[in-house]
Amino acid sequence: MALAYRPEKEEIIQSIINGVKGQEAIVDDDAFFCLDYTSFCSGTCLYCAKSRNNWDLKRERMSPEEVPEGFREAYEKGIRKFFLYGGADLYFDREKVSDIIRRIKEIYTGCELYLAVGEKVFEDFQAYLEAGLDGYVLFHRSANADHFCKLHTLESYPDFRMKMLPPLKQMGLKIGTGITVGWPYQTAEILAEDVAFLMELEPDLVVIDAFRPEEGTEFESFPKGDRKQQENLVKLVRKIFPDIRILTHL
């Protein structure tokens, strides 16, 4: 994927704050059907209500048989791009997830399937690819190591996800990541580092959302992310990557 242009850090910061003149904020939300199939998670991310430390959350998961059926109505309406995501649910091991992928690709001819279920080992990714998976989305959360550590417990390493994404592309998977506007402790300079990471990675898909404080998390009292700043970031990413797929919410 060729970059339309490569802005400098200061230009990125100003674009995030002031917007990009004359740039349309074209997104692909209406072309994708997104399915959240499990709220069980082994992770402990401080911002996520699905954290295993949130004892107040009522957990739900679809069965392996139910997940493929969750796409049927969307497919019948003509949608051919699917996004399957959920918590890092240990119940869904390599074999179960691979079987779900295989069944979705067999049932829904011509569909394109992206998966996002957190960190996995490369043997898992290889099995998913062999089952027919088209792309994997791994949210790097923050390209700034110090900021990343403020969002996670010591179980997570700052650059682990960033280092995992390029090998997935080499493996043959399309890759995606995401940028969240309005994280606690985030600055425009930190957002600029996220954009710089995108320019280096050149992903096929990026999710650009605004922070939403969730009840039962460490950050439930923090303010929501700024929607205008989110729109500015979408315009900037579109200018850098004219052909990238952008989702603005899940």
C-alpha atoms as a PDB file:
ATOM      1  CA  MET A   1       0.000   0.000   0.000  1.00  0.00           C
ATOM      2  CA  ALA A   2       1.523   3.299  -1.101  1.00  0.00           C
ATOM      3  CA  LEU A   3       1.230   6.333   1.169  1.00  0.00           C
ATOM      4  CA  ALA A   4      -0.420   9.375  -0.385  1.00  0.00           C
ATOM      5  CA  TYR A   5       1.923  11.551   1.637  1.00  0.00           C
ATOM      6  CA  ARG A   6       4.112  11.314   4.721  1.00  0.00           C
ATOM      7  CA  PRO A   7       3.451  14.166   7.171  1.00  0.00           C
ATOM      8  CA  GLU A   8       5.939  15.220   9.827  1.00  0.00           C
ATOM      9  CA  LYS A   9       5.136  14.932  13.534  1.00  0.00           C
ATOM     10  CA  GLU A  10       4.142  18.572  13.974  1.00  0.00           C
ATOM     11  CA  GLU A  11       1.856  18.411  10.948  1.00  0.00           C
ATOM     12  CA  ILE A  12       0.215  15.283  12.357  1.00  0.00           C
ATOM     13  CA  ILE A  13      -0.402  17.008  15.693  1.00  0.00           C
ATOM     14  CA  GLN A  14      -1.938  20.066  14.028  1.00  0.00           C
ATOM     15  CA  SER A  15      -4.134  17.867  11.814  1.00  0.00           C
ATOM     16  CA  ILE A  16      -5.437  16.013  14.870  1.00  0.00           C
ATOM     17  CA  ILE A  17      -6.241  19.282  16.624  1.00  0.00           C
ATOM     18  CA  ASN A  18      -7.486  21.380  13.686  1.00  0.00           C
ATOM     19  CA  GLY A  19      -8.537  18.835  11.082  1.00  0.00           C
ATOM     20  CA  VAL A  20      -7.507  18.344   7.458  1.00  0.00           C
ATOM     21  CA  LYS A  21      -8.923  20.928   5.072  1.00  0.00           C
ATOM     22  CA  GLY A  22     -10.840  19.617   2.108  1.00  0.00           C
ATOM     23  CA  GLN A  23     -10.567  15.960   3.104  1.00  0.00           C
ATOM     24  CA  GLU A  24     -13.672  13.778   3.123  1.00  0.00           C
ATOM     25  CA  ALA A  25     -14.103  11.447   6.094  1.00  0.00           C
ATOM     26  CA  ILE A  26     -15.018   8.350   4.079  1.00  0.00           C
ATOM     27  CA  VAL A  27     -15.428   5.228   6.214  1.00  0.00           C
ATOM     28  CA  ASP A  28     -16.428   1.631   5.602  1.00  0.00           C
ATOM     29  CA  ASP A  29     -18.704   0.939   8.576  1.00  0.00           C
ATOM     30  CA  ASP A  30     -21.737   0.161   6.410  1.00  0.00           C
ATOM     31  CA  ALA A  31     -19.736  -2.404   4.382  1.00  0.00           C
ATOM     32  CA  PHE A  32     -18.871  -4.558   7.410  1.00  0.00           C
ATOM     33  CA  PHE A  33     -20.989  -6.662   9.737  1.00  0.00           C
ATOM     34  CA  CYS A  34     -19.389  -6.911  13.178  1.00  0.00           C
ATOM     35  CA  LEU A  35     -20.209  -9.731  15.594  1.00  0.00           C
ATOM     36  CA  ASP A  36     -19.109  -9.783  19.249  1.00  0.00           C
ATOM     37  CA  TYR A  37     -19.400 -13.437  20.208  1.00  0.00           C
ATOM     38  CA  THR A  38     -18.029 -13.654  23.757  1.00  0.00           C
ATOM     39  CA  SER A  39     -17.612 -11.399  26.776  1.00  0.00           C
ATOM     40  CA  PHE A  40     -15.389 -13.865  28.611  1.00  0.00           C
ATOM     41  CA  CYS A  41     -11.760 -12.745  28.713  1.00  0.00           C
ATOM     42  CA  SER A  42      -8.546 -13.852  30.371  1.00  0.00           C
ATOM     43  CA  GLY A  43      -7.068 -10.342  30.039  1.00  0.00           C
ATOM     44  CA  THR A  44      -6.784  -7.643  32.680  1.00  0.00           C
ATOM     45  CA  CYS A  45      -6.782  -4.445  30.593  1.00  0.00           C
ATOM     46  CA  LEU A  46      -7.650  -1.517  32.847  1.00  0.00           C
ATOM     47  CA  TYR A  47     -10.053   0.120  30.359  1.00  0.00           C
ATOM     48  CA  CYS A  48     -12.115  -2.922  29.380  1.00  0.00           C
ATOM     49  CA  ALA A  49     -15.296  -4.116  31.083  1.00  0.00           C
ATOM     50  CA  LYS A  50     -14.543  -7.635  29.822  1.00  0.00           C
ATOM     51  CA  SER A  51     -11.469  -7.841  32.074  1.00  0.00           C
ATOM     52  CA  ARG A  52     -11.447 -10.992  34.157  1.00  0.00           C
ATOM     53  CA  ASN A  53     -11.178  -8.738  37.205  1.00  0.00           C
ATOM     54  CA  ASN A  54     -14.644  -7.285  36.588  1.00  0.00           C
ATOM     55  CA  TRP A  55     -16.749  -9.546  38.788  1.00  0.00           C
ATOM     56  CA  ASP A  56     -19.930  -7.524  38.203  1.00  0.00           C
ATOM     57  CA  LEU A  57     -20.157  -8.194  34.470  1.00  0.00           C
ATOM     58  CA  LYS A  58     -22.719 -10.751  33.359  1.00  0.00           C
ATOM     59  CA  ARG A  59     -20.727 -12.945  30.974  1.00  0.00           C
ATOM     60  CA  GLU A  60     -22.193 -14.340  27.782  1.00  0.00           C
ATOM     61  CA  ARG A  61     -20.812 -16.404  24.933  1.00  0.00           C
ATOM     62  CA  MET A  62     -22.252 -17.829  21.762  1.00  0.00           C
ATOM     63  CA  SER A  63     -21.728 -21.537  21.159  1.00  0.00           C
ATOM     64  CA  PRO A  64     -19.392 -22.639  18.332  1.00  0.00           C
ATOM     65  CA  GLU A  65     -22.518 -23.642  16.412  1.00  0.00           C
ATOM     66  CA  GLU A  66     -24.225 -20.274  16.941  1.00  0.00           C
ATOM     67  CA  VAL A  67     -21.349 -18.064  15.779  1.00  0.00           C
ATOM     68  CA  PRO A  68     -21.581 -18.823  12.030  1.00  0.00           C
ATOM     69  CA  GLU A  69     -25.362 -18.372  12.161  1.00  0.00           C
ATOM     70  CA  GLY A  70     -24.830 -14.887  13.534  1.00  0.00           C
ATOM     71  CA  PHE A  71     -23.757 -13.737  10.055  1.00  0.00           C
ATOM     72  CA  ARG A  72     -26.674 -15.207   8.116  1.00  0.00           C
ATOM     73  CA  GLU A  73     -28.989 -12.187   8.111  1.00  0.00           C
ATOM     74  CA  ALA A  74     -26.168  -9.835   7.117  1.00  0.00           C
ATOM     75  CA  TYR A  75     -25.145 -12.148   4.273  1.00  0.00           C
ATOM     76  CA  GLU A  76     -28.708 -12.367   3.000  1.00  0.00           C
ATOM     77  CA  LYS A  77     -28.755  -8.554   2.910  1.00  0.00           C
ATOM     78  CA  GLY A  78     -25.711  -8.585   0.634  1.00  0.00           C
ATOM     79  CA  ILE A  79     -22.938  -7.834   3.148  1.00  0.00           C
ATOM     80  CA  ARG A  80     -19.765  -9.742   2.318  1.00  0.00           C
ATOM     81  CA  LYS A  81     -17.260  -8.309   4.824  1.00  0.00           C
ATOM     82  CA  PHE A  82     -17.402  -9.846   8.292  1.00  0.00           C
ATOM     83  CA  PHE A  83     -15.639  -8.809  11.495  1.00  0.00           C
ATOM     84  CA  LEU A  84     -15.690 -11.408  14.279  1.00  0.00           C
ATOM     85  CA  TYR A  85     -14.371 -10.270  17.639  1.00  0.00           C
ATOM     86  CA  GLY A  86     -14.580 -10.968  21.358  1.00  0.00           C
ATOM     87  CA  GLY A  87     -12.641 -11.280  24.574  1.00  0.00           C
ATOM     88  CA  ALA A  88      -9.601 -13.536  24.882  1.00  0.00           C
ATOM     89  CA  ASP A  89     -11.860 -16.448  25.835  1.00  0.00           C
ATOM     90  CA  LEU A  90      -9.847 -19.566  26.698  1.00  0.00           C
ATOM     91  CA  TYR A  91     -12.869 -21.751  25.946  1.00  0.00           C
ATOM     92  CA  PHE A  92     -12.389 -20.995  22.261  1.00  0.00           C
ATOM     93  CA  ASP A  93      -9.133 -22.841  21.683  1.00  0.00           C
ATOM     94  CA  ARG A  94      -7.269 -23.123  18.379  1.00  0.00           C
ATOM     95  CA  GLU A  95      -9.406 -26.012  17.150  1.00  0.00           C
ATOM     96  CA  LYS A  96     -12.745 -24.342  17.955  1.00  0.00           C
ATOM     97  CA  VAL A  97     -11.795 -21.013  16.389  1.00  0.00           C
ATOM     98  CA  SER A  98     -10.383 -22.705  13.275  1.00  0.00           C
ATOM     99  CA  ASP A  99     -13.567 -24.732  12.901  1.00  0.00           C
ATOM    100  CA  ILE A 100     -15.700 -21.590  13.220  1.00  0.00           C
ATOM    101  CA  ILE A 101     -13.624 -19.857  10.527  1.00  0.00           C
ATOM    102  CA  ARG A 102     -13.880 -22.873   8.244  1.00  0.00           C
ATOM    103  CA  ARG A 103     -17.659 -23.091   8.623  1.00  0.00           C
ATOM    104  CA  ILE A 104     -18.180 -19.369   8.025  1.00  0.00           C
ATOM    105  CA  LYS A 105     -16.129 -19.508   4.827  1.00  0.00           C
ATOM    106  CA  GLU A 106     -17.959 -22.632   3.649  1.00  0.00           C
ATOM    107  CA  ILE A 107     -21.456 -21.319   4.383  1.00  0.00           C
ATOM    108  CA  TYR A 108     -21.031 -17.753   3.114  1.00  0.00           C
ATOM    109  CA  THR A 109     -19.456 -17.973  -0.318  1.00  0.00           C
ATOM    110  CA  GLY A 110     -17.321 -14.992  -1.245  1.00  0.00           C
ATOM    111  CA  CYS A 111     -17.237 -13.434   2.213  1.00  0.00           C
ATOM    112  CA  GLU A 112     -14.144 -11.736   3.622  1.00  0.00           C
ATOM    113  CA  LEU A 113     -13.530 -12.523   7.287  1.00  0.00           C
ATOM    114  CA  TYR A 114     -11.490 -10.533   9.808  1.00  0.00           C
ATOM    115  CA  LEU A 115     -10.911 -11.848  13.326  1.00  0.00           C
ATOM    116  CA  ALA A 116      -9.918  -9.991  16.515  1.00  0.00           C
ATOM    117  CA  VAL A 117      -9.513 -12.050  19.687  1.00  0.00           C
ATOM    118  CA  GLY A 118      -6.331 -10.656  21.210  1.00  0.00           C
ATOM    119  CA  GLU A 119      -2.837 -12.059  21.477  1.00  0.00           C
ATOM    120  CA  LYS A 120      -2.179 -15.556  20.135  1.00  0.00           C
ATOM    121  CA  VAL A 121       0.854 -17.675  19.317  1.00  0.00           C
ATOM    122  CA  PHE A 122       1.930 -18.010  15.688  1.00  0.00           C
ATOM    123  CA  GLU A 123       0.713 -21.613  15.530  1.00  0.00           C
ATOM    124  CA  ASP A 124      -2.785 -20.265  16.150  1.00  0.00           C
ATOM    125  CA  PHE A 125      -2.482 -17.686  13.379  1.00  0.00           C
ATOM    126  CA  GLN A 126      -1.200 -20.323  10.975  1.00  0.00           C
ATOM    127  CA  ALA A 127      -4.170 -22.563  11.791  1.00  0.00           C
ATOM    128  CA  TYR A 128      -6.586 -19.658  11.266  1.00  0.00           C
ATOM    129  CA  LEU A 129      -4.982 -18.871   7.901  1.00  0.00           C
ATOM    130  CA  GLU A 130      -5.233 -22.494   6.792  1.00  0.00           C
ATOM    131  CA  ALA A 131      -8.894 -22.529   7.845  1.00  0.00           C
ATOM    132  CA  GLY A 132      -9.560 -19.640   5.462  1.00  0.00           C
ATOM    133  CA  LEU A 133      -9.190 -16.488   7.579  1.00  0.00           C
ATOM    134  CA  ASP A 134      -8.564 -13.381   5.481  1.00  0.00           C
ATOM    135  CA  GLY A 135      -7.314 -10.914   8.076  1.00  0.00           C
ATOM    136  CA  TYR A 136      -6.475 -10.433  11.741  1.00  0.00           C
ATOM    137  CA  VAL A 137      -6.930  -7.242  13.750  1.00  0.00           C
ATOM    138  CA  LEU A 138      -4.662  -6.764  16.741  1.00  0.00           C
ATOM    139  CA  PHE A 139      -5.196  -3.471  18.562  1.00  0.00           C
ATOM    140  CA  HIS A 140      -1.819  -2.097  19.606  1.00  0.00           C
ATOM    141  CA  ARG A 141      -3.627   0.351  21.971  1.00  0.00           C
ATOM    142  CA  SER A 142      -0.741   2.851  22.217  1.00  0.00           C
ATOM    143  CA  ALA A 143       2.544   3.174  20.372  1.00  0.00           C
ATOM    144  CA  ASN A 144       3.982   5.091  23.322  1.00  0.00           C
ATOM    145  CA  ALA A 145       5.453   2.579  25.787  1.00  0.00           C
ATOM    146  CA  ASP A 146       4.936   4.706  28.904  1.00  0.00           C
ATOM    147  CA  HIS A 147       1.345   5.429  27.951  1.00  0.00           C
ATOM    148  CA  PHE A 148       0.672   1.771  27.136  1.00  0.00           C
ATOM    149  CA  CYS A 149       1.791   0.821  30.647  1.00  0.00           C
ATOM    150  CA  LYS A 150      -0.743   3.238  32.140  1.00  0.00           C
ATOM    151  CA  LEU A 151      -3.539   1.381  30.343  1.00  0.00           C
ATOM    152  CA  HIS A 152      -2.520  -2.167  31.238  1.00  0.00           C
ATOM    153  CA  THR A 153      -1.345  -4.320  34.110  1.00  0.00           C
ATOM    154  CA  LEU A 154       2.141  -5.805  34.221  1.00  0.00           C
ATOM    155  CA  GLU A 155       0.826  -8.846  32.313  1.00  0.00           C
ATOM    156  CA  SER A 156       1.019  -6.885  29.047  1.00  0.00           C
ATOM    157  CA  TYR A 157       4.220  -5.743  27.340  1.00  0.00           C
ATOM    158  CA  PRO A 158       4.299  -2.333  25.598  1.00  0.00           C
ATOM    159  CA  ASP A 159       5.541  -3.282  22.120  1.00  0.00           C
ATOM    160  CA  PHE A 160       4.578  -6.964  21.955  1.00  0.00           C
ATOM    161  CA  ARG A 161       1.527  -6.418  19.754  1.00  0.00           C
ATOM    162  CA  MET A 162       3.342  -3.946  17.516  1.00  0.00           C
ATOM    163  CA  LYS A 163       6.049  -6.538  16.864  1.00  0.00           C
ATOM    164  CA  MET A 164       3.494  -9.278  16.145  1.00  0.00           C
ATOM    165  CA  LEU A 165       1.681  -7.477  13.336  1.00  0.00           C
ATOM    166  CA  PRO A 166       4.380  -7.374  10.595  1.00  0.00           C
ATOM    167  CA  PRO A 167       5.003 -11.163  10.738  1.00  0.00           C
ATOM    168  CA  LEU A 168       1.270 -11.752  10.308  1.00  0.00           C
ATOM    169  CA  LYS A 169       1.417  -9.760   7.077  1.00  0.00           C
ATOM    170  CA  GLN A 170       4.417 -11.823   5.945  1.00  0.00           C
ATOM    171  CA  MET A 171       2.450 -14.956   6.795  1.00  0.00           C
ATOM    172  CA  GLY A 172      -0.206 -13.955   4.269  1.00  0.00           C
ATOM    173  CA  LEU A 173      -2.891 -12.453   6.483  1.00  0.00           C
ATOM    174  CA  LYS A 174      -4.296  -9.001   5.961  1.00  0.00           C
ATOM    175  CA  ILE A 175      -3.651  -7.016   9.115  1.00  0.00           C
ATOM    176  CA  GLY A 176      -5.455  -4.353  11.064  1.00  0.00           C
ATOM    177  CA  THR A 177      -5.010  -2.339  14.229  1.00  0.00           C
ATOM    178  CA  GLY A 178      -6.733   0.606  15.882  1.00  0.00           C
ATOM    179  CA  ILE A 179      -6.327   4.071  17.336  1.00  0.00           C
ATOM    180  CA  THR A 180      -8.445   5.310  20.224  1.00  0.00           C
ATOM    181  CA  VAL A 181      -8.929   9.048  20.673  1.00  0.00           C
ATOM    182  CA  GLY A 182      -9.238  10.286  24.242  1.00  0.00           C
ATOM    183  CA  TRP A 183      -7.489   7.573  26.219  1.00  0.00           C
ATOM    184  CA  PRO A 184      -6.763   8.579  29.828  1.00  0.00           C
ATOM    185  CA  TYR A 185      -3.348  10.295  29.962  1.00  0.00           C
ATOM    186  CA  GLN A 186      -3.239  10.646  26.164  1.00  0.00           C
ATOM    187  CA  THR A 187      -1.789  13.740  24.463  1.00  0.00           C
ATOM    188  CA  ALA A 188      -1.729  14.912  20.854  1.00  0.00           C
ATOM    189  CA  GLU A 189       1.951  13.930  20.785  1.00  0.00           C
ATOM    190  CA  ILE A 190       1.036  10.367  21.803  1.00  0.00           C
ATOM    191  CA  LEU A 191      -1.633  10.230  19.082  1.00  0.00           C
ATOM    192  CA  ALA A 192       1.008  11.368  16.615  1.00  0.00           C
ATOM    193  CA  GLU A 193       3.111   8.334  17.598  1.00  0.00           C
ATOM    194  CA  ASP A 194       0.126   6.102  16.783  1.00  0.00           C
ATOM    195  CA  VAL A 195      -0.170   7.665  13.334  1.00  0.00           C
ATOM    196  CA  ALA A 196       3.578   7.253  12.783  1.00  0.00           C
ATOM    197  CA  PHE A 197       3.192   3.568  13.668  1.00  0.00           C
ATOM    198  CA  LEU A 198       0.422   3.214  11.068  1.00  0.00           C
ATOM    199  CA  MET A 199       2.680   4.793   8.450  1.00  0.00           C
ATOM    200  CA  GLU A 200       5.365   2.232   9.250  1.00  0.00           C
ATOM    201  CA  LEU A 201       2.976  -0.722   9.436  1.00  0.00           C
ATOM    202  CA  GLU A 202       0.778   0.093   6.393  1.00  0.00           C
ATOM    203  CA  PRO A 203      -2.191  -2.003   7.580  1.00  0.00           C
ATOM    204  CA  ASP A 204      -5.158  -3.074   5.473  1.00  0.00           C
ATOM    205  CA  LEU A 205      -7.718  -1.947   8.062  1.00  0.00           C
ATOM    206  CA  VAL A 206      -7.760   0.455  10.988  1.00  0.00           C
ATOM    207  CA  VAL A 207     -10.401   1.002  13.653  1.00  0.00           C
ATOM    208  CA  ILE A 208     -10.531   4.640  14.776  1.00  0.00           C
ATOM    209  CA  ASP A 209     -12.776   5.081  17.782  1.00  0.00           C
ATOM    210  CA  ALA A 210     -13.274   7.463  20.702  1.00  0.00           C
ATOM    211  CA  PHE A 211     -12.660   6.375  24.288  1.00  0.00           C
ATOM    212  CA  ARG A 212     -15.787   5.287  26.132  1.00  0.00           C
ATOM    213  CA  PRO A 213     -15.435   4.896  29.910  1.00  0.00           C
ATOM    214  CA  GLU A 214     -16.948   1.578  30.943  1.00  0.00           C
ATOM    215  CA  GLU A 215     -18.547   0.817  34.272  1.00  0.00           C
ATOM    216  CA  GLY A 216     -16.527  -1.485  36.482  1.00  0.00           C
ATOM    217  CA  THR A 217     -13.150  -0.412  35.084  1.00  0.00           C
ATOM    218  CA  GLU A 218     -10.293   1.673  36.467  1.00  0.00           C
ATOM    219  CA  PHE A 219     -11.221   4.465  34.054  1.00  0.00           C
ATOM    220  CA  GLU A 220     -14.990   4.645  34.511  1.00  0.00           C
ATOM    221  CA  SER A 221     -14.798   8.219  35.840  1.00  0.00           C
ATOM    222  CA  PHE A 222     -12.700   9.580  32.943  1.00  0.00           C
ATOM    223  CA  PRO A 223     -14.387  11.712  30.219  1.00  0.00           C
ATOM    224  CA  LYS A 224     -15.362  10.359  26.812  1.00  0.00           C
ATOM    225  CA  GLY A 225     -13.081  10.887  23.867  1.00  0.00           C
ATOM    226  CA  ASP A 226     -13.673  13.949  21.707  1.00  0.00           C
ATOM    227  CA  ARG A 227     -15.752  13.059  18.633  1.00  0.00           C
ATOM    228  CA  LYS A 228     -14.448  16.024  16.645  1.00  0.00           C
ATOM    229  CA  GLN A 229     -10.883  14.911  17.262  1.00  0.00           C
ATOM    230  CA  GLN A 230     -11.895  11.426  16.147  1.00  0.00           C
ATOM    231  CA  GLU A 231     -13.277  12.865  12.905  1.00  0.00           C
ATOM    232  CA  ASN A 232     -10.074  14.844  12.370  1.00  0.00           C
ATOM    233  CA  LEU A 233      -8.017  11.691  12.820  1.00  0.00           C
ATOM    234  CA  VAL A 234     -10.185   9.764  10.351  1.00  0.00           C
ATOM    235  CA  LYS A 235      -9.630  12.497   7.759  1.00  0.00           C
ATOM    236  CA  LEU A 236      -5.888  12.473   8.368  1.00  0.00           C
ATOM    237  CA  VAL A 237      -5.586   8.682   8.069  1.00  0.00           C
ATOM    238  CA  ARG A 238      -7.691   8.769   4.896  1.00  0.00           C
ATOM    239  CA  LYS A 239      -5.357  11.380   3.420  1.00  0.00           C
ATOM    240  CA  ILE A 240      -2.295   9.280   4.229  1.00  0.00           C
ATOM    241  CA  PHE A 241      -3.938   6.022   3.087  1.00  0.00           C
ATOM    242  CA  PRO A 242      -6.573   6.757   0.387  1.00  0.00           C
ATOM    243  CA  ASP A 243      -7.503   3.087   0.021  1.00  0.00           C
ATOM    244  CA  ILE A 244      -7.355   1.877   3.628  1.00  0.00           C
ATOM    245  CA  ARG A 245     -10.460   0.395   5.225  1.00  0.00           C
ATOM    246  CA  ILE A 246     -11.589   2.442   8.210  1.00  0.00           C
ATOM    247  CA  LEU A 247     -14.075   1.418  10.865  1.00  0.00           C
ATOM    248  CA  THR A 248     -15.165   4.071  13.338  1.00  0.00           C
ATOM    249  CA  HIS A 249     -17.045   1.909  15.826  1.00  0.00           C
ATOM    250  CA  LEU A 250     -17.676  -1.701  16.801  1.00  0.00           C
END
